[in-house]
Protein backbone atom coordinates (compact mmCIF):
# COMPACT_ATOMS: atom_id res chain seq x y z
CA GLN A 1 -27.42 1.59 -14.56
CA VAL A 2 -27.45 0.69 -10.89
CA GLN A 3 -24.41 -0.58 -9.03
CA LEU A 4 -25.02 -2.46 -5.79
CA VAL A 5 -22.64 -3.18 -2.93
CA GLU A 6 -23.62 -5.41 -0.03
CA SER A 7 -22.15 -5.22 3.46
CA GLY A 8 -22.88 -6.42 6.98
CA GLY A 9 -22.27 -10.12 6.64
CA GLY A 10 -20.24 -12.08 9.13
CA LEU A 11 -20.17 -14.91 11.63
CA VAL A 12 -22.96 -15.15 14.18
CA GLN A 13 -24.21 -17.79 16.59
CA ALA A 14 -27.55 -19.45 16.09
CA GLY A 15 -30.32 -17.27 17.48
CA GLY A 16 -28.37 -14.12 16.76
CA SER A 17 -29.08 -11.22 14.43
CA LEU A 18 -27.44 -9.39 11.56
CA ARG A 19 -28.33 -6.46 9.38
CA LEU A 20 -27.26 -6.52 5.76
CA SER A 21 -27.03 -3.32 3.76
CA CYS A 22 -27.19 -2.80 0.01
CA ALA A 23 -25.73 0.53 -1.07
CA ALA A 24 -26.73 1.63 -4.54
CA SER A 25 -25.19 4.14 -6.87
CA GLY A 26 -27.14 5.95 -9.52
CA ARG A 27 -30.07 8.31 -9.35
CA THR A 28 -32.51 5.67 -10.56
CA PHE A 29 -32.31 3.50 -7.45
CA ARG A 30 -35.76 4.53 -6.31
CA ARG A 31 -37.30 3.28 -9.56
CA TYR A 32 -36.38 -0.33 -8.83
CA ALA A 33 -37.66 -3.04 -6.60
CA ILE A 34 -34.91 -4.51 -4.43
CA GLY A 35 -34.53 -8.20 -3.80
CA TRP A 36 -32.34 -10.30 -1.55
CA PHE A 37 -31.21 -13.75 -2.58
CA ARG A 38 -28.86 -16.29 -1.08
CA GLN A 39 -26.76 -19.16 -2.29
CA ALA A 40 -25.30 -21.89 -0.14
CA PRO A 41 -22.47 -24.15 -1.35
CA GLY A 42 -23.75 -26.75 -3.79
CA LYS A 43 -27.22 -25.20 -3.94
CA GLU A 44 -29.04 -22.95 -6.37
CA ARG A 45 -29.53 -19.28 -5.68
CA GLU A 46 -32.82 -18.83 -3.84
CA PHE A 47 -35.18 -15.95 -3.23
CA VAL A 48 -35.22 -14.46 0.27
CA ALA A 49 -37.20 -11.21 0.20
CA THR A 50 -38.17 -8.31 -2.02
CA ILE A 51 -39.52 -4.79 -1.57
CA SER A 52 -41.20 -2.48 -4.06
CA TRP A 53 -39.71 0.83 -5.14
CA SER A 54 -41.97 2.71 -2.72
CA GLY A 55 -41.49 0.29 0.15
CA ASP A 56 -45.23 -0.33 0.35
CA ASP A 57 -45.12 -3.93 -0.82
CA THR A 58 -42.92 -6.78 0.34
CA ASP A 59 -42.69 -10.51 -0.18
CA TYR A 60 -40.73 -13.18 1.70
CA ALA A 61 -39.71 -16.76 1.26
CA ASP A 62 -41.57 -19.03 3.67
CA SER A 63 -38.27 -20.08 5.24
CA VAL A 64 -37.53 -16.56 6.48
CA LYS A 65 -40.99 -15.12 7.04
CA ASP A 66 -41.37 -13.74 10.59
CA ARG A 67 -37.58 -13.83 11.07
CA PHE A 68 -36.29 -11.45 8.37
CA THR A 69 -37.44 -7.93 7.52
CA ILE A 70 -36.65 -6.12 4.29
CA ALA A 71 -36.54 -2.33 4.19
CA ARG A 72 -35.20 0.52 2.10
CA ASP A 73 -34.30 4.17 2.46
CA ASN A 74 -34.53 5.85 -0.93
CA ALA A 75 -33.05 9.07 0.43
CA LYS A 76 -29.89 7.13 1.28
CA ASN A 77 -30.01 4.88 -1.80
CA THR A 78 -29.78 1.89 0.53
CA GLY A 79 -31.66 -1.32 1.03
CA TYR A 80 -31.58 -3.46 4.16
CA LEU A 81 -32.23 -7.00 5.27
CA HIS A 82 -32.71 -7.37 9.02
CA MET A 83 -32.19 -10.97 10.05
CA PHE A 84 -33.27 -12.31 13.43
CA SER A 85 -33.32 -15.75 15.05
CA LEU A 86 -30.69 -16.93 12.64
CA LYS A 87 -30.25 -20.64 12.03
CA PRO A 88 -27.31 -22.63 10.64
CA ASP A 89 -29.44 -23.26 7.53
CA ASP A 90 -29.30 -19.50 6.85
CA THR A 91 -25.58 -19.80 6.12
CA ALA A 92 -24.99 -18.60 2.55
CA VAL A 93 -23.68 -15.79 0.41
CA TYR A 94 -26.36 -13.11 0.35
CA TYR A 95 -26.89 -10.97 -2.73
CA CYS A 96 -28.99 -7.89 -3.30
CA ALA A 97 -30.43 -7.19 -6.72
CA ALA A 98 -32.61 -4.63 -8.50
CA ALA A 99 -35.56 -5.26 -10.80
CA ASP A 100 -38.06 -3.04 -12.55
CA ARG A 101 -40.94 -4.70 -10.73
CA LEU A 102 -41.70 -6.78 -7.66
CA VAL A 103 -40.66 -10.31 -8.62
CA THR A 104 -39.10 -13.33 -6.94
CA THR A 105 -37.36 -14.97 -9.90
CA PRO A 106 -33.62 -14.28 -10.00
CA THR A 107 -33.45 -14.13 -13.79
CA LEU A 108 -35.82 -11.14 -13.80
CA TYR A 109 -33.38 -8.97 -11.83
CA GLN A 110 -31.24 -6.69 -13.97
CA PHE A 111 -28.54 -5.64 -11.52
CA TRP A 112 -26.66 -7.60 -8.85
CA GLY A 113 -24.18 -6.95 -6.08
CA GLN A 114 -21.12 -9.06 -5.42
CA GLY A 115 -22.52 -10.76 -2.33
CA THR A 116 -21.68 -10.89 1.37
CA GLN A 117 -21.05 -14.06 3.38
CA VAL A 118 -23.28 -14.92 6.32
CA THR A 119 -22.23 -17.82 8.50
CA VAL A 120 -24.39 -19.05 11.37
CA SER A 121 -22.73 -21.40 13.83
CA SER A 122 -24.65 -23.93 15.90
């Protein structure tokens, strides 16, 4: 079992930056790929970024590529999502999740956090 807790969300102006953290409990954290997803009001949950258990492989949604960076520190059992050049369209609840392989489909993730709100004002 892996329990995930996100933090770092908040209100930021367009063009600003935020760093989201995903703190994991359980010794098996390093066995899982970590993914970030987001869901805006009235929209489906969408893939943002994912990183392999080793950190060697990453994948990003086209909408955030070159603006967001995913990272992890297995020694601290923590994943990160660094967000730069934020846009109002990035406003959503952001979730981290864990999967046993590097995938982008939400239904393939076994464990989820409760989410953290990110609001980008224009």
